[in-house]
PDB file of N, CA and C in Angstrom:
ATOM      1  N   MET A   1     187.086  62.753 116.694  1.00  0.00           N
ATOM      2  CA  MET A   1     187.747  62.214 115.529  1.00  0.00           C
ATOM      3  C   MET A   1     189.256  62.387 115.646  1.00  0.00           C
ATOM      4  N   VAL A   2     189.690  63.521 116.160  1.00  0.00           N
ATOM      5  CA  VAL A   2     191.125  63.740 116.339  1.00  0.00           C
ATOM      6  C   VAL A   2     191.668  62.757 117.367  1.00  0.00           C
ATOM      7  N   ASP A   3     190.919  62.530 118.419  1.00  0.00           N
ATOM      8  CA  ASP A   3     191.349  61.557 119.430  1.00  0.00           C
ATOM      9  C   ASP A   3     191.474  60.164 118.813  1.00  0.00           C
ATOM     10  N   PHE A   4     190.562  59.819 117.926  1.00  0.00           N
ATOM     11  CA  PHE A   4     190.611  58.526 117.255  1.00  0.00           C
ATOM     12  C   PHE A   4     191.877  58.418 116.405  1.00  0.00           C
ATOM     13  N   ALA A   5     192.195  59.478 115.673  1.00  0.00           N
ATOM     14  CA  ALA A   5     193.417  59.492 114.858  1.00  0.00           C
ATOM     15  C   ALA A   5     194.654  59.356 115.748  1.00  0.00           C
ATOM     16  N   MET A   6     194.621  60.001 116.902  1.00  0.00           N
ATOM     17  CA  MET A   6     195.748  59.888 117.831  1.00  0.00           C
ATOM     18  C   MET A   6     195.877  58.460 118.355  1.00  0.00           C
ATOM     19  N   ASP A   7     194.739  57.820 118.647  1.00  0.00           N
ATOM     20  CA  ASP A   7     194.759  56.429 119.103  1.00  0.00           C
ATOM     21  C   ASP A   7     195.312  55.497 118.027  1.00  0.00           C
ATOM     22  N   ILE A   8     194.923  55.733 116.787  1.00  0.00           N
ATOM     23  CA  ILE A   8     195.436  54.914 115.688  1.00  0.00           C
ATOM     24  C   ILE A   8     196.951  55.088 115.564  1.00  0.00           C
ATOM     25  N   TYR A   9     197.408  56.330 115.654  1.00  0.00           N
ATOM     26  CA  TYR A   9     198.850  56.597 115.580  1.00  0.00           C
ATOM     27  C   TYR A   9     199.587  55.841 116.684  1.00  0.00           C
ATOM     28  N   LYS A  10     199.063  55.916 117.896  1.00  0.00           N
ATOM     29  CA  LYS A  10     199.701  55.228 119.029  1.00  0.00           C
ATOM     30  C   LYS A  10     199.753  53.722 118.804  1.00  0.00           C
ATOM     31  N   THR A  11     198.669  53.173 118.241  1.00  0.00           N
ATOM     32  CA  THR A  11     198.617  51.735 117.987  1.00  0.00           C
ATOM     33  C   THR A  11     199.600  51.339 116.879  1.00  0.00           C
ATOM     34  N   LEU A  12     199.593  52.109 115.795  1.00  0.00           N
ATOM     35  CA  LEU A  12     200.465  51.781 114.668  1.00  0.00           C
ATOM     36  C   LEU A  12     201.944  51.837 115.032  1.00  0.00           C
ATOM     37  N   TYR A  13     202.297  52.849 115.795  1.00  0.00           N
ATOM     38  CA  TYR A  13     203.710  53.052 116.120  1.00  0.00           C
ATOM     39  C   TYR A  13     204.078  52.563 117.519  1.00  0.00           C
ATOM     40  N   GLN A  14     203.134  51.927 118.182  1.00  0.00           N
ATOM     41  CA  GLN A  14     203.340  51.366 119.525  1.00  0.00           C
ATOM     42  C   GLN A  14     204.078  52.344 120.436  1.00  0.00           C
ATOM     43  N   THR A  15     203.442  53.501 120.594  1.00  0.00           N
ATOM     44  CA  THR A  15     204.010  54.562 121.423  1.00  0.00           C
ATOM     45  C   THR A  15     202.879  55.300 122.122  1.00  0.00           C
ATOM     46  N   GLU A  16     203.204  56.015 123.158  1.00  0.00           N
ATOM     47  CA  GLU A  16     202.230  56.867 123.835  1.00  0.00           C
ATOM     48  C   GLU A  16     202.376  58.323 123.392  1.00  0.00           C
ATOM     49  N   ASP A  17     203.428  58.602 122.640  1.00  0.00           N
ATOM     50  CA  ASP A  17     203.666  59.959 122.146  1.00  0.00           C
ATOM     51  C   ASP A  17     203.030  60.124 120.770  1.00  0.00           C
ATOM     52  N   VAL A  18     202.471  61.302 120.533  1.00  0.00           N
ATOM     53  CA  VAL A  18     201.914  61.626 119.225  1.00  0.00           C
ATOM     54  C   VAL A  18     202.593  62.889 118.716  1.00  0.00           C
ATOM     55  N   PRO A  19     202.595  63.102 117.401  1.00  0.00           N
ATOM     56  CA  PRO A  19     203.217  64.318 116.864  1.00  0.00           C
ATOM     57  C   PRO A  19     202.565  65.589 117.421  1.00  0.00           C
ATOM     58  N   GLN A  20     203.361  66.613 117.550  1.00  0.00           N
ATOM     59  CA  GLN A  20     202.888  67.883 118.100  1.00  0.00           C
ATOM     60  C   GLN A  20     201.744  68.463 117.269  1.00  0.00           C
ATOM     61  N   ASP A  21     201.776  68.270 115.950  1.00  0.00           N
ATOM     62  CA  ASP A  21     200.696  68.819 115.121  1.00  0.00           C
ATOM     63  C   ASP A  21     199.347  68.178 115.442  1.00  0.00           C
ATOM     64  N   MET A  22     199.358  66.914 115.867  1.00  0.00           N
ATOM     65  CA  MET A  22     198.102  66.270 116.286  1.00  0.00           C
ATOM     66  C   MET A  22     197.606  66.877 117.596  1.00  0.00           C
ATOM     67  N   VAL A  23     198.504  67.134 118.498  1.00  0.00           N
ATOM     68  CA  VAL A  23     198.142  67.746 119.780  1.00  0.00           C
ATOM     69  C   VAL A  23     197.569  69.143 119.544  1.00  0.00           C
ATOM     70  N   GLU A  24     198.214  69.911 118.658  1.00  0.00           N
ATOM     71  CA  GLU A  24     197.744  71.261 118.353  1.00  0.00           C
ATOM     72  C   GLU A  24     196.390  71.224 117.644  1.00  0.00           C
ATOM     73  N   ARG A  25     196.226  70.270 116.735  1.00  0.00           N
ATOM     74  CA  ARG A  25     194.950  70.133 116.021  1.00  0.00           C
ATOM     75  C   ARG A  25     193.817  69.808 116.992  1.00  0.00           C
ATOM     76  N   ARG A  26     194.094  68.944 117.949  1.00  0.00           N
ATOM     77  CA  ARG A  26     193.089  68.591 118.951  1.00  0.00           C
ATOM     78  C   ARG A  26     192.693  69.823 119.755  1.00  0.00           C
ATOM     79  N   ALA A  27     193.663  70.627 120.143  1.00  0.00           N
ATOM     80  CA  ALA A  27     193.373  71.848 120.900  1.00  0.00           C
ATOM     81  C   ALA A  27     192.508  72.805 120.076  1.00  0.00           C
ATOM     82  N   ASP A  28     192.806  72.913 118.776  1.00  0.00           N
ATOM     83  CA  ASP A  28     192.003  73.771 117.894  1.00  0.00           C
ATOM     84  C   ASP A  28     190.572  73.260 117.787  1.00  0.00           C
ATOM     85  N   VAL A  29     190.421  71.956 117.642  1.00  0.00           N
ATOM     86  CA  VAL A  29     189.086  71.363 117.506  1.00  0.00           C
ATOM     87  C   VAL A  29     188.272  71.559 118.782  1.00  0.00           C
ATOM     88  N   VAL A  30     188.893  71.348 119.929  1.00  0.00           N
ATOM     89  CA  VAL A  30     188.191  71.518 121.209  1.00  0.00           C
ATOM     90  C   VAL A  30     187.780  72.977 121.401  1.00  0.00           C
ATOM     91  N   ALA A  31     188.663  73.906 121.038  1.00  0.00           N
ATOM     92  CA  ALA A  31     188.334  75.330 121.157  1.00  0.00           C
ATOM     93  C   ALA A  31     187.177  75.699 120.231  1.00  0.00           C
ATOM     94  N   ARG A  32     187.199  75.173 119.025  1.00  0.00           N
ATOM     95  CA  ARG A  32     186.113  75.452 118.064  1.00  0.00           C
ATOM     96  C   ARG A  32     184.795  74.870 118.567  1.00  0.00           C
ATOM     97  N   LEU A  33     184.845  73.660 119.094  1.00  0.00           N
ATOM     98  CA  LEU A  33     183.645  73.030 119.649  1.00  0.00           C
ATOM     99  C   LEU A  33     183.057  73.875 120.772  1.00  0.00           C
ATOM    100  N   LYS A  34     183.903  74.349 121.674  1.00  0.00           N
ATOM    101  CA  LYS A  34     183.440  75.175 122.794  1.00  0.00           C
ATOM    102  C   LYS A  34     182.805  76.465 122.278  1.00  0.00           C
ATOM    103  N   SER A  35     183.433  77.063 121.284  1.00  0.00           N
ATOM    104  CA  SER A  35     182.907  78.300 120.702  1.00  0.00           C
ATOM    105  C   SER A  35     181.529  78.073 120.077  1.00  0.00           C
ATOM    106  N   LEU A  36     181.374  76.979 119.342  1.00  0.00           N
ATOM    107  CA  LEU A  36     180.085  76.680 118.714  1.00  0.00           C
ATOM    108  C   LEU A  36     179.024  76.330 119.751  1.00  0.00           C
ATOM    109  N   GLU A  37     179.407  75.614 120.805  1.00  0.00           N
ATOM    110  CA  GLU A  37     178.457  75.302 121.874  1.00  0.00           C
ATOM    111  C   GLU A  37     177.961  76.579 122.536  1.00  0.00           C
ATOM    112  N   ASP A  38     178.873  77.514 122.792  1.00  0.00           N
ATOM    113  CA  ASP A  38     178.490  78.787 123.409  1.00  0.00           C
ATOM    114  C   ASP A  38     177.550  79.582 122.498  1.00  0.00           C
ATOM    115  N   ALA A  39     177.857  79.593 121.197  1.00  0.00           N
ATOM    116  CA  ALA A  39     177.022  80.329 120.246  1.00  0.00           C
ATOM    117  C   ALA A  39     175.636  79.710 120.124  1.00  0.00           C
ATOM    118  N   ALA A  40     175.549  78.394 120.232  1.00  0.00           N
ATOM    119  CA  ALA A  40     174.268  77.701 120.075  1.00  0.00           C
ATOM    120  C   ALA A  40     173.462  77.633 121.369  1.00  0.00           C
ATOM    121  N   ALA A  41     174.045  77.975 122.490  1.00  0.00           N
ATOM    122  CA  ALA A  41     173.386  77.826 123.793  1.00  0.00           C
ATOM    123  C   ALA A  41     172.011  78.502 123.875  1.00  0.00           C
ATOM    124  N   PRO A  42     171.847  79.746 123.400  1.00  0.00           N
ATOM    125  CA  PRO A  42     170.505  80.346 123.487  1.00  0.00           C
ATOM    126  C   PRO A  42     169.458  79.569 122.691  1.00  0.00           C
ATOM    127  N   LEU A  43     169.825  79.090 121.523  1.00  0.00           N
ATOM    128  CA  LEU A  43     168.888  78.335 120.705  1.00  0.00           C
ATOM    129  C   LEU A  43     168.562  76.985 121.343  1.00  0.00           C
ATOM    130  N   VAL A  44     169.544  76.327 121.905  1.00  0.00           N
ATOM    131  CA  VAL A  44     169.321  75.049 122.587  1.00  0.00           C
ATOM    132  C   VAL A  44     168.382  75.252 123.776  1.00  0.00           C
ATOM    133  N   ALA A  45     168.620  76.310 124.538  1.00  0.00           N
ATOM    134  CA  ALA A  45     167.757  76.605 125.689  1.00  0.00           C
ATOM    135  C   ALA A  45     166.318  76.844 125.240  1.00  0.00           C
ATOM    136  N   PHE A  46     166.155  77.571 124.125  1.00  0.00           N
ATOM    137  CA  PHE A  46     164.817  77.811 123.586  1.00  0.00           C
ATOM    138  C   PHE A  46     164.142  76.493 123.210  1.00  0.00           C
ATOM    139  N   LEU A  47     164.862  75.635 122.503  1.00  0.00           N
ATOM    140  CA  LEU A  47     164.284  74.377 122.019  1.00  0.00           C
ATOM    141  C   LEU A  47     163.950  73.413 123.151  1.00  0.00           C
ATOM    142  N   GLN A  48     164.579  73.575 124.298  1.00  0.00           N
ATOM    143  CA  GLN A  48     164.296  72.717 125.440  1.00  0.00           C
ATOM    144  C   GLN A  48     163.113  73.215 126.265  1.00  0.00           C
ATOM    145  N   ASN A  49     162.551  74.344 125.889  1.00  0.00           N
ATOM    146  CA  ASN A  49     161.414  74.928 126.588  1.00  0.00           C
ATOM    147  C   ASN A  49     160.145  74.672 125.763  1.00  0.00           C
ATOM    148  N   PRO A  50     159.329  73.682 126.147  1.00  0.00           N
ATOM    149  CA  PRO A  50     158.145  73.331 125.348  1.00  0.00           C
ATOM    150  C   PRO A  50     157.178  74.503 125.153  1.00  0.00           C
ATOM    151  N   ALA A  51     157.009  75.331 126.154  1.00  0.00           N
ATOM    152  CA  ALA A  51     156.091  76.474 126.031  1.00  0.00           C
ATOM    153  C   ALA A  51     156.607  77.458 124.979  1.00  0.00           C
ATOM    154  N   ALA A  52     157.896  77.668 124.955  1.00  0.00           N
ATOM    155  CA  ALA A  52     158.470  78.595 123.985  1.00  0.00           C
ATOM    156  C   ALA A  52     158.369  78.035 122.573  1.00  0.00           C
ATOM    157  N   VAL A  53     158.596  76.757 122.408  1.00  0.00           N
ATOM    158  CA  VAL A  53     158.530  76.123 121.088  1.00  0.00           C
ATOM    159  C   VAL A  53     157.113  76.224 120.519  1.00  0.00           C
ATOM    160  N   GLN A  54     156.096  76.210 121.380  1.00  0.00           N
ATOM    161  CA  GLN A  54     154.716  76.322 120.911  1.00  0.00           C
ATOM    162  C   GLN A  54     154.420  77.694 120.310  1.00  0.00           C
ATOM    163  N   GLU A  55     155.277  78.672 120.575  1.00  0.00           N
ATOM    164  CA  GLU A  55     155.084  80.005 120.000  1.00  0.00           C
ATOM    165  C   GLU A  55     155.476  80.070 118.529  1.00  0.00           C
ATOM    166  N   LEU A  56     156.173  79.057 118.045  1.00  0.00           N
ATOM    167  CA  LEU A  56     156.602  79.057 116.651  1.00  0.00           C
ATOM    168  C   LEU A  56     155.405  78.976 115.719  1.00  0.00           C
ATOM    169  N   ARG A  57     155.536  79.604 114.570  1.00  0.00           N
ATOM    170  CA  ARG A  57     154.471  79.614 113.575  1.00  0.00           C
ATOM    171  C   ARG A  57     155.008  79.081 112.248  1.00  0.00           C
ATOM    172  N   ALA A  58     154.145  78.948 111.285  1.00  0.00           N
ATOM    173  CA  ALA A  58     154.566  78.487 109.955  1.00  0.00           C
ATOM    174  C   ALA A  58     155.400  79.546 109.229  1.00  0.00           C
ATOM    175  N   ASP A  59     155.264  80.798 109.636  1.00  0.00           N
ATOM    176  CA  ASP A  59     155.980  81.909 108.990  1.00  0.00           C
ATOM    177  C   ASP A  59     157.406  81.988 109.537  1.00  0.00           C
ATOM    178  N   LYS A  60     158.399  81.599 108.724  1.00  0.00           N
ATOM    179  CA  LYS A  60     159.774  81.574 109.213  1.00  0.00           C
ATOM    180  C   LYS A  60     160.310  82.971 109.510  1.00  0.00           C
ATOM    181  N   HIS A  61     159.838  83.988 108.797  1.00  0.00           N
ATOM    182  CA  HIS A  61     160.304  85.352 109.068  1.00  0.00           C
ATOM    183  C   HIS A  61     159.829  85.816 110.449  1.00  0.00           C
ATOM    184  N   TYR A  62     158.596  85.478 110.787  1.00  0.00           N
ATOM    185  CA  TYR A  62     158.091  85.787 112.126  1.00  0.00           C
ATOM    186  C   TYR A  62     158.935  85.060 113.166  1.00  0.00           C
ATOM    187  N   ASN A  63     159.196  83.780 112.930  1.00  0.00           N
ATOM    188  CA  ASN A  63     159.960  82.986 113.896  1.00  0.00           C
ATOM    189  C   ASN A  63     161.343  83.572 114.145  1.00  0.00           C
ATOM    190  N   LEU A  64     162.042  83.945 113.092  1.00  0.00           N
ATOM    191  CA  LEU A  64     163.382  84.528 113.259  1.00  0.00           C
ATOM    192  C   LEU A  64     163.315  85.828 114.057  1.00  0.00           C
ATOM    193  N   GLN A  65     162.337  86.664 113.719  1.00  0.00           N
ATOM    194  CA  GLN A  65     162.194  87.931 114.433  1.00  0.00           C
ATOM    195  C   GLN A  65     161.823  87.696 115.896  1.00  0.00           C
ATOM    196  N   MET A  66     160.902  86.767 116.137  1.00  0.00           N
ATOM    197  CA  MET A  66     160.477  86.456 117.503  1.00  0.00           C
ATOM    198  C   MET A  66     161.646  85.893 118.315  1.00  0.00           C
ATOM    199  N   LEU A  67     162.422  84.995 117.719  1.00  0.00           N
ATOM    200  CA  LEU A  67     163.578  84.429 118.420  1.00  0.00           C
ATOM    201  C   LEU A  67     164.585  85.518 118.781  1.00  0.00           C
ATOM    202  N   ASN A  68     164.803  86.439 117.863  1.00  0.00           N
ATOM    203  CA  ASN A  68     165.731  87.534 118.143  1.00  0.00           C
ATOM    204  C   ASN A  68     165.185  88.487 119.207  1.00  0.00           C
ATOM    205  N   ASP A  69     163.892  88.806 119.117  1.00  0.00           N
ATOM    206  CA  ASP A  69     163.303  89.768 120.044  1.00  0.00           C
ATOM    207  C   ASP A  69     163.137  89.212 121.461  1.00  0.00           C
ATOM    208  N   LYS A  70     162.540  88.034 121.574  1.00  0.00           N
ATOM    209  CA  LYS A  70     162.205  87.499 122.889  1.00  0.00           C
ATOM    210  C   LYS A  70     163.330  86.716 123.557  1.00  0.00           C
ATOM    211  N   TYR A  71     164.146  86.056 122.763  1.00  0.00           N
ATOM    212  CA  TYR A  71     165.124  85.134 123.341  1.00  0.00           C
ATOM    213  C   TYR A  71     166.568  85.504 123.028  1.00  0.00           C
ATOM    214  N   GLN A  72     166.757  86.645 122.409  1.00  0.00           N
ATOM    215  CA  GLN A  72     168.083  87.137 122.075  1.00  0.00           C
ATOM    216  C   GLN A  72     168.933  86.100 121.337  1.00  0.00           C
ATOM    217  N   VAL A  73     168.272  85.345 120.501  1.00  0.00           N
ATOM    218  CA  VAL A  73     168.988  84.378 119.676  1.00  0.00           C
ATOM    219  C   VAL A  73     169.499  85.154 118.461  1.00  0.00           C
ATOM    220  N   GLN A  74     170.764  85.471 118.471  1.00  0.00           N
ATOM    221  CA  GLN A  74     171.337  86.289 117.410  1.00  0.00           C
ATOM    222  C   GLN A  74     172.041  85.457 116.346  1.00  0.00           C
ATOM    223  N   GLN A  75     172.393  84.250 116.672  1.00  0.00           N
ATOM    224  CA  GLN A  75     173.148  83.446 115.720  1.00  0.00           C
ATOM    225  C   GLN A  75     172.532  82.059 115.602  1.00  0.00           C
ATOM    226  N   ILE A  76     172.464  81.593 114.402  1.00  0.00           N
ATOM    227  CA  ILE A  76     171.994  80.238 114.136  1.00  0.00           C
ATOM    228  C   ILE A  76     173.180  79.464 113.572  1.00  0.00           C
ATOM    229  N   ILE A  77     173.435  78.294 114.131  1.00  0.00           N
ATOM    230  CA  ILE A  77     174.556  77.495 113.668  1.00  0.00           C
ATOM    231  C   ILE A  77     174.083  76.608 112.518  1.00  0.00           C
ATOM    232  N   ALA A  78     174.680  76.786 111.372  1.00  0.00           N
ATOM    233  CA  ALA A  78     174.323  75.989 110.201  1.00  0.00           C
ATOM    234  C   ALA A  78     175.031  74.634 110.279  1.00  0.00           C
ATOM    235  N   TYR A  79     174.523  73.685 109.570  1.00  0.00           N
ATOM    236  CA  TYR A  79     175.075  72.336 109.594  1.00  0.00           C
ATOM    237  C   TYR A  79     176.548  72.326 109.207  1.00  0.00           C
ATOM    238  N   CYS A  80     176.942  73.208 108.305  1.00  0.00           N
ATOM    239  CA  CYS A  80     178.326  73.212 107.832  1.00  0.00           C
ATOM    240  C   CYS A  80     179.287  73.753 108.882  1.00  0.00           C
ATOM    241  N   GLY A  81     178.785  74.274 109.974  1.00  0.00           N
ATOM    242  CA  GLY A  81     179.642  74.767 111.032  1.00  0.00           C
ATOM    243  C   GLY A  81     179.920  76.248 110.974  1.00  0.00           C
ATOM    244  N   GLU A  82     179.427  76.913 109.966  1.00  0.00           N
ATOM    245  CA  GLU A  82     179.603  78.351 109.866  1.00  0.00           C
ATOM    246  C   GLU A  82     178.516  79.051 110.666  1.00  0.00           C
ATOM    247  N   ILE A  83     178.810  80.234 111.165  1.00  0.00           N
ATOM    248  CA  ILE A  83     177.830  80.993 111.932  1.00  0.00           C
ATOM    249  C   ILE A  83     177.173  81.984 110.984  1.00  0.00           C
ATOM    250  N   ILE A  84     175.852  81.942 110.933  1.00  0.00           N
ATOM    251  CA  ILE A  84     175.084  82.845 110.098  1.00  0.00           C
ATOM    252  C   ILE A  84     174.405  83.852 111.019  1.00  0.00           C
ATOM    253  N   CYS A  85     174.729  85.117 110.877  1.00  0.00           N
ATOM    254  CA  CYS A  85     174.144  86.158 111.728  1.00  0.00           C
ATOM    255  C   CYS A  85     172.935  86.775 111.027  1.00  0.00           C
ATOM    256  N   PHE A  86     171.870  86.965 111.774  1.00  0.00           N
ATOM    257  CA  PHE A  86     170.672  87.600 111.252  1.00  0.00           C
ATOM    258  C   PHE A  86     170.587  89.008 111.772  1.00  0.00           C
TER     259      PHE A  86
END
């Protein structure tokens, strides 16, 4: 989205230069994305393993405990982008 805003700025002002605050914002967004990807990696790896997914049960408390115990999944990324630690 930041890249899109930068492209719009370049088009509107017919320039290849963008304001420094846009460049800094892009760097912040990329760093945040990398951080969230790293935090979600254990959960993504679990979900890509069909045998592991079959271990899930209807009991969400069991599932959270099992994920923490067997797969060291310590953080779940919520839709809002905040990290919820269990």
